Amino acid sequence: MPKLKPTKAKDLVRILKKIGFVESRTKGSHLIMKNKANLLVVIPLHNKEIPTGTLLAIISDAGLNKESFMKLLSDKKAIDTILMAEKEPTLKGDLDELAKKFR
């Protein structure tokens, strides 16, 4: 298995959102996220990557193991595609939404 490398906070937030965490609040330069089971995860939003030890603690707090996090991290392209589609809906998507409203 490949070693876990330091990760950007932005990527970590995307992964946590994918598994059901939502932004609860911020305090200083830290983002607090929680899920429906009220698990709290604190993410440092400094202008550098999150070190491996801190990342492992966050993964553990989120109820994940290293292997499942690595799999979610490798699916980053899929996550990015989903997020971009949400931000910039296509014309076809707009038409589909409009059709749903009139059904």
Protein backbone atom coordinates (compact mmCIF):
# COMPACT_ATOMS: atom_id res chain seq x y z
CA MET A 1 0.00 0.00 0.00
CA PRO A 2 1.33 3.47 -0.84
CA LYS A 3 2.29 5.81 1.96
CA LEU A 4 -0.13 8.51 3.03
CA LYS A 5 1.20 11.87 1.93
CA PRO A 6 0.39 15.34 3.27
CA THR A 7 -2.87 16.58 1.74
CA LYS A 8 -4.33 20.00 1.04
CA ALA A 9 -7.17 21.05 3.32
CA LYS A 10 -9.34 21.74 0.26
CA ASP A 11 -9.06 18.09 -0.84
CA LEU A 12 -9.78 16.82 2.65
CA VAL A 13 -12.91 18.98 2.90
CA ARG A 14 -14.15 17.64 -0.45
CA ILE A 15 -13.71 14.06 0.69
CA LEU A 16 -15.45 14.68 3.99
CA LYS A 17 -18.36 16.35 2.20
CA LYS A 18 -18.62 13.33 -0.06
CA ILE A 19 -19.09 11.02 2.92
CA GLY A 20 -21.74 13.19 4.56
CA PHE A 21 -19.94 15.83 6.61
CA VAL A 22 -21.15 19.44 6.47
CA GLU A 23 -19.47 22.65 7.53
CA SER A 24 -20.64 23.49 11.03
CA ARG A 25 -18.59 26.57 11.88
CA THR A 26 -15.14 28.10 11.77
CA LYS A 27 -13.01 29.26 14.64
CA GLY A 28 -9.93 31.21 13.69
CA SER A 29 -8.19 29.28 10.96
CA HIS A 30 -9.92 25.98 11.72
CA LEU A 31 -13.02 24.53 10.08
CA ILE A 32 -15.29 22.35 12.20
CA MET A 33 -17.36 19.83 10.25
CA LYS A 34 -19.92 17.35 11.53
CA ASN A 35 -22.08 14.57 10.17
CA LYS A 36 -25.53 13.22 11.02
CA ALA A 37 -24.06 11.05 13.79
CA ASN A 38 -22.64 14.27 15.35
CA LEU A 39 -19.02 13.26 14.78
CA LEU A 40 -16.93 16.43 14.85
CA VAL A 41 -13.81 16.88 12.74
CA VAL A 42 -11.51 19.89 13.01
CA ILE A 43 -9.55 20.84 9.89
CA PRO A 44 -6.73 23.39 9.98
CA LEU A 45 -7.09 25.89 7.11
CA HIS A 46 -3.51 27.11 7.02
CA ASN A 47 -1.80 27.90 3.73
CA LYS A 48 0.09 24.62 3.67
CA GLU A 49 -0.62 20.93 3.41
CA ILE A 50 -1.90 18.99 6.41
CA PRO A 51 0.93 16.85 7.82
CA THR A 52 0.55 13.06 7.77
CA GLY A 53 0.16 12.66 11.54
CA THR A 54 -2.55 15.32 11.74
CA LEU A 55 -4.22 13.84 8.67
CA LEU A 56 -4.31 10.38 10.29
CA ALA A 57 -5.93 11.88 13.41
CA ILE A 58 -8.57 13.65 11.30
CA ILE A 59 -9.25 10.44 9.34
CA SER A 60 -9.71 8.57 12.61
CA ASP A 61 -12.00 11.28 14.03
CA ALA A 62 -14.14 11.01 10.88
CA GLY A 63 -14.60 7.28 11.46
CA LEU A 64 -12.51 6.26 8.44
CA ASN A 65 -9.46 4.08 8.16
CA LYS A 66 -6.36 4.84 6.14
CA GLU A 67 -7.28 2.49 3.28
CA SER A 68 -10.76 3.92 2.72
CA PHE A 69 -9.39 7.48 2.82
CA MET A 70 -6.72 6.60 0.26
CA LYS A 71 -9.44 5.18 -2.01
CA LEU A 72 -11.53 8.34 -1.67
CA LEU A 73 -8.42 10.44 -2.32
CA SER A 74 -7.66 8.49 -5.50
CA ASP A 75 -11.23 9.21 -6.67
CA LYS A 76 -10.47 12.95 -6.50
CA LYS A 77 -11.09 13.38 -10.21
CA ALA A 78 -14.59 11.96 -9.81
CA ILE A 79 -15.22 14.29 -6.86
CA ASP A 80 -13.94 17.29 -8.85
CA THR A 81 -16.18 16.39 -11.79
CA ILE A 82 -19.23 16.20 -9.52
CA LEU A 83 -18.42 19.52 -7.86
CA MET A 84 -17.83 21.27 -11.18
CA ALA A 85 -21.13 19.96 -12.51
CA GLU A 86 -22.88 21.40 -9.44
CA LYS A 87 -21.26 24.82 -9.94
CA GLU A 88 -21.72 25.06 -13.71
CA PRO A 89 -24.90 23.29 -14.78
CA THR A 90 -25.09 22.49 -18.45
CA LEU A 91 -27.94 23.47 -20.69
CA LYS A 92 -29.10 19.86 -20.72
CA GLY A 93 -29.10 19.85 -16.92
CA ASP A 94 -31.13 23.06 -16.86
CA LEU A 95 -33.65 21.56 -19.26
CA ASP A 96 -33.89 18.39 -17.16
CA GLU A 97 -34.56 20.46 -14.02
CA LEU A 98 -37.19 22.48 -15.84
CA ALA A 99 -38.87 19.29 -17.08
CA LYS A 100 -39.00 17.88 -13.53
CA LYS A 101 -40.83 20.98 -12.30
CA PHE A 102 -43.61 20.52 -14.84
CA ARG A 103 -44.17 16.78 -14.35
